[in-house]
Amino acid sequence: MARVGAGIALDDERAERRVLELPGAETFAGLPTAVTRVLGEASFGAEARALADAARTLPPADAALDVLAATGTRFRATGVEQLLC
């Protein structure tokens, strides 16, 4: 969200944090200020709406299987090779 201007990245320690580990106290402490800023500055809402508009133009997620099947692509899913036909 931050990359497209629709939010603020708070998680400075994410490079060192394990996947399921909670963010540190410093990250949580920054939440009130970040939320106030995102809700108070119109640019964040405008970018979020633009992102939502773009997402609505994409095919539904369940269409991905049809796309993969049409390509005849082999892929590995849970260690078992499958051919989509």
N, C-alpha and C. Protein backbone atom coordinates (compact mmCIF):
# COMPACT_ATOMS: atom_id res chain seq x y z
N MET A 1 0.82 -1.19 0.00
CA MET A 1 0.00 0.00 0.00
C MET A 1 0.86 1.25 0.00
N ALA A 2 1.93 1.22 0.76
CA ALA A 2 2.80 2.39 0.82
C ALA A 2 3.46 2.66 -0.52
N ARG A 3 3.81 1.61 -1.25
CA ARG A 3 4.48 1.77 -2.54
C ARG A 3 3.62 2.52 -3.55
N VAL A 4 2.32 2.38 -3.45
CA VAL A 4 1.43 3.07 -4.40
C VAL A 4 0.83 4.34 -3.80
N GLY A 5 1.26 4.70 -2.60
CA GLY A 5 0.78 5.93 -1.99
C GLY A 5 -0.54 5.83 -1.28
N ALA A 6 -0.99 4.60 -1.02
CA ALA A 6 -2.28 4.41 -0.36
C ALA A 6 -2.14 4.08 1.13
N GLY A 7 -0.94 4.16 1.65
CA GLY A 7 -0.72 3.85 3.06
C GLY A 7 0.68 4.24 3.47
N ILE A 8 1.02 3.91 4.71
CA ILE A 8 2.33 4.23 5.27
C ILE A 8 2.96 2.93 5.78
N ALA A 9 4.19 2.67 5.39
CA ALA A 9 4.92 1.50 5.90
C ALA A 9 5.51 1.84 7.27
N LEU A 10 5.20 1.03 8.26
CA LEU A 10 5.68 1.26 9.62
C LEU A 10 6.73 0.24 10.05
N ASP A 11 6.81 -0.83 9.36
CA ASP A 11 7.56 -1.99 9.83
C ASP A 11 9.02 -1.95 9.42
N ASP A 12 9.81 -1.10 10.07
CA ASP A 12 11.22 -0.97 9.74
C ASP A 12 12.03 -2.22 10.07
N GLU A 13 11.56 -3.04 11.01
CA GLU A 13 12.34 -4.21 11.39
C GLU A 13 11.95 -5.45 10.60
N ARG A 14 11.15 -5.33 9.55
CA ARG A 14 10.65 -6.51 8.83
C ARG A 14 11.76 -7.35 8.21
N ALA A 15 12.91 -6.78 7.89
CA ALA A 15 14.01 -7.54 7.30
C ALA A 15 14.57 -8.56 8.30
N GLU A 16 14.50 -8.26 9.58
CA GLU A 16 15.04 -9.16 10.60
C GLU A 16 13.97 -10.04 11.25
N ARG A 17 12.71 -9.66 11.12
CA ARG A 17 11.62 -10.36 11.80
C ARG A 17 11.23 -11.63 11.06
N ARG A 18 10.95 -12.68 11.80
CA ARG A 18 10.46 -13.93 11.21
C ARG A 18 9.04 -13.71 10.69
N VAL A 19 8.62 -14.57 9.79
CA VAL A 19 7.34 -14.40 9.09
C VAL A 19 6.16 -14.23 10.05
N LEU A 20 6.02 -15.07 11.03
CA LEU A 20 4.86 -15.01 11.92
C LEU A 20 5.12 -14.27 13.23
N GLU A 21 6.27 -13.66 13.34
CA GLU A 21 6.60 -12.90 14.54
C GLU A 21 5.92 -11.54 14.51
N LEU A 22 5.38 -11.12 15.65
CA LEU A 22 4.71 -9.82 15.72
C LEU A 22 5.72 -8.68 15.58
N PRO A 23 5.29 -7.55 15.04
CA PRO A 23 6.16 -6.37 14.99
C PRO A 23 6.53 -5.92 16.40
N GLY A 24 7.61 -5.16 16.50
CA GLY A 24 8.07 -4.67 17.79
C GLY A 24 7.24 -3.52 18.32
N ALA A 25 7.51 -3.14 19.55
CA ALA A 25 6.78 -2.07 20.23
C ALA A 25 6.89 -0.74 19.47
N GLU A 26 8.03 -0.49 18.87
CA GLU A 26 8.23 0.76 18.13
C GLU A 26 7.26 0.87 16.95
N THR A 27 7.04 -0.25 16.26
CA THR A 27 6.09 -0.26 15.15
C THR A 27 4.68 0.01 15.65
N PHE A 28 4.28 -0.68 16.72
CA PHE A 28 2.95 -0.46 17.28
C PHE A 28 2.77 0.97 17.77
N ALA A 29 3.82 1.54 18.33
CA ALA A 29 3.75 2.92 18.84
C ALA A 29 3.51 3.92 17.71
N GLY A 30 3.94 3.59 16.50
CA GLY A 30 3.74 4.49 15.37
C GLY A 30 2.36 4.43 14.74
N LEU A 31 1.55 3.47 15.14
CA LEU A 31 0.22 3.30 14.54
C LEU A 31 -0.70 4.52 14.69
N PRO A 32 -0.88 5.08 15.86
CA PRO A 32 -1.82 6.19 15.98
C PRO A 32 -1.49 7.36 15.04
N THR A 33 -0.24 7.73 14.95
CA THR A 33 0.16 8.83 14.08
C THR A 33 -0.08 8.48 12.63
N ALA A 34 0.28 7.25 12.25
CA ALA A 34 0.10 6.82 10.86
C ALA A 34 -1.37 6.78 10.48
N VAL A 35 -2.21 6.24 11.33
CA VAL A 35 -3.65 6.16 11.04
C VAL A 35 -4.24 7.56 10.92
N THR A 36 -3.88 8.45 11.82
CA THR A 36 -4.37 9.82 11.75
C THR A 36 -3.96 10.48 10.44
N ARG A 37 -2.73 10.27 10.03
CA ARG A 37 -2.24 10.87 8.79
C ARG A 37 -2.97 10.29 7.57
N VAL A 38 -3.10 8.97 7.52
CA VAL A 38 -3.76 8.33 6.37
C VAL A 38 -5.22 8.78 6.26
N LEU A 39 -5.90 8.88 7.38
CA LEU A 39 -7.30 9.30 7.36
C LEU A 39 -7.45 10.80 7.11
N GLY A 40 -6.43 11.58 7.45
CA GLY A 40 -6.52 13.03 7.33
C GLY A 40 -6.05 13.62 6.01
N GLU A 41 -5.19 12.89 5.28
CA GLU A 41 -4.67 13.41 4.01
C GLU A 41 -5.40 12.77 2.84
N ALA A 42 -6.03 13.60 2.03
CA ALA A 42 -6.86 13.12 0.93
C ALA A 42 -6.08 12.27 -0.09
N SER A 43 -4.79 12.50 -0.23
CA SER A 43 -4.02 11.76 -1.24
C SER A 43 -4.02 10.26 -0.98
N PHE A 44 -4.02 9.86 0.29
CA PHE A 44 -4.04 8.43 0.60
C PHE A 44 -5.35 7.80 0.13
N GLY A 45 -6.45 8.45 0.38
CA GLY A 45 -7.74 7.93 -0.06
C GLY A 45 -7.85 7.89 -1.57
N ALA A 46 -7.34 8.91 -2.24
CA ALA A 46 -7.38 8.94 -3.70
C ALA A 46 -6.58 7.78 -4.29
N GLU A 47 -5.41 7.53 -3.74
CA GLU A 47 -4.59 6.42 -4.24
C GLU A 47 -5.23 5.08 -3.93
N ALA A 48 -5.85 4.95 -2.77
CA ALA A 48 -6.54 3.70 -2.43
C ALA A 48 -7.71 3.45 -3.37
N ARG A 49 -8.45 4.51 -3.71
CA ARG A 49 -9.56 4.35 -4.67
C ARG A 49 -9.04 3.97 -6.05
N ALA A 50 -7.93 4.57 -6.48
CA ALA A 50 -7.34 4.22 -7.78
C ALA A 50 -6.90 2.76 -7.80
N LEU A 51 -6.32 2.30 -6.70
CA LEU A 51 -5.91 0.91 -6.60
C LEU A 51 -7.12 -0.02 -6.65
N ALA A 52 -8.18 0.34 -5.95
CA ALA A 52 -9.40 -0.47 -5.96
C ALA A 52 -10.01 -0.50 -7.35
N ASP A 53 -10.03 0.63 -8.04
CA ASP A 53 -10.55 0.67 -9.41
C ASP A 53 -9.76 -0.25 -10.32
N ALA A 54 -8.43 -0.22 -10.19
CA ALA A 54 -7.58 -1.08 -11.01
C ALA A 54 -7.82 -2.55 -10.69
N ALA A 55 -7.99 -2.87 -9.42
CA ALA A 55 -8.23 -4.26 -9.02
C ALA A 55 -9.55 -4.78 -9.57
N ARG A 56 -10.55 -3.90 -9.65
CA ARG A 56 -11.85 -4.33 -10.18
C ARG A 56 -11.78 -4.71 -11.66
N THR A 57 -10.77 -4.25 -12.38
CA THR A 57 -10.65 -4.58 -13.80
C THR A 57 -9.99 -5.94 -14.02
N LEU A 58 -9.41 -6.51 -12.98
CA LEU A 58 -8.74 -7.80 -13.10
C LEU A 58 -9.75 -8.95 -13.10
N PRO A 59 -9.40 -10.05 -13.77
CA PRO A 59 -10.30 -11.21 -13.71
C PRO A 59 -10.34 -11.76 -12.29
N PRO A 60 -11.40 -12.50 -11.94
CA PRO A 60 -11.48 -13.06 -10.60
C PRO A 60 -10.36 -14.08 -10.36
N ALA A 61 -9.99 -14.26 -9.11
CA ALA A 61 -8.88 -15.16 -8.76
C ALA A 61 -9.10 -16.58 -9.26
N ASP A 62 -10.35 -17.05 -9.25
CA ASP A 62 -10.59 -18.43 -9.70
C ASP A 62 -10.36 -18.60 -11.20
N ALA A 63 -10.22 -17.51 -11.94
CA ALA A 63 -9.91 -17.60 -13.36
C ALA A 63 -8.44 -17.97 -13.59
N ALA A 64 -7.62 -17.86 -12.58
CA ALA A 64 -6.19 -18.17 -12.72
C ALA A 64 -5.97 -19.61 -13.14
N LEU A 65 -6.74 -20.54 -12.62
CA LEU A 65 -6.60 -21.93 -13.01
C LEU A 65 -6.86 -22.13 -14.49
N ASP A 66 -7.87 -21.46 -15.02
CA ASP A 66 -8.17 -21.56 -16.44
C ASP A 66 -7.03 -21.01 -17.28
N VAL A 67 -6.43 -19.91 -16.84
CA VAL A 67 -5.31 -19.31 -17.56
C VAL A 67 -4.13 -20.28 -17.57
N LEU A 68 -3.81 -20.86 -16.42
CA LEU A 68 -2.72 -21.82 -16.34
C LEU A 68 -3.00 -23.05 -17.19
N ALA A 69 -4.21 -23.54 -17.14
CA ALA A 69 -4.57 -24.72 -17.94
C ALA A 69 -4.42 -24.44 -19.42
N ALA A 70 -4.78 -23.25 -19.84
CA ALA A 70 -4.69 -22.89 -21.26
C ALA A 70 -3.24 -22.84 -21.74
N THR A 71 -2.30 -22.59 -20.85
CA THR A 71 -0.90 -22.53 -21.25
C THR A 71 -0.25 -23.91 -21.25
N GLY A 72 -0.88 -24.89 -20.61
CA GLY A 72 -0.28 -26.21 -20.51
C GLY A 72 0.96 -26.22 -19.64
N THR A 73 1.07 -25.25 -18.76
CA THR A 73 2.24 -25.07 -17.91
C THR A 73 2.31 -26.16 -16.85
N ARG A 74 3.52 -26.68 -16.67
CA ARG A 74 3.75 -27.62 -15.56
C ARG A 74 4.14 -26.81 -14.33
N PHE A 75 3.68 -27.21 -13.19
CA PHE A 75 4.07 -26.53 -11.96
C PHE A 75 4.09 -27.54 -10.83
N ARG A 76 4.74 -27.17 -9.76
CA ARG A 76 4.80 -28.03 -8.58
C ARG A 76 3.87 -27.46 -7.51
N ALA A 77 3.01 -28.30 -7.03
CA ALA A 77 2.11 -27.92 -5.93
C ALA A 77 2.26 -28.98 -4.85
N THR A 78 2.66 -28.59 -3.71
CA THR A 78 2.91 -29.48 -2.57
C THR A 78 3.75 -30.69 -2.97
N GLY A 79 4.78 -30.46 -3.82
CA GLY A 79 5.72 -31.49 -4.18
C GLY A 79 5.26 -32.46 -5.25
N VAL A 80 4.07 -32.29 -5.78
CA VAL A 80 3.57 -33.19 -6.82
C VAL A 80 3.46 -32.43 -8.12
N GLU A 81 4.16 -32.94 -9.18
CA GLU A 81 4.11 -32.27 -10.47
C GLU A 81 2.77 -32.56 -11.12
N GLN A 82 2.16 -31.50 -11.66
CA GLN A 82 0.85 -31.63 -12.29
C GLN A 82 0.88 -30.96 -13.64
N LEU A 83 0.15 -31.49 -14.58
CA LEU A 83 -0.03 -30.84 -15.87
C LEU A 83 -1.49 -30.41 -15.94
N LEU A 84 -1.70 -29.13 -16.12
CA LEU A 84 -3.07 -28.62 -16.21
C LEU A 84 -3.53 -28.73 -17.65
N CYS A 85 -4.59 -29.44 -17.86
CA CYS A 85 -5.14 -29.59 -19.21
C CYS A 85 -6.63 -29.33 -19.21
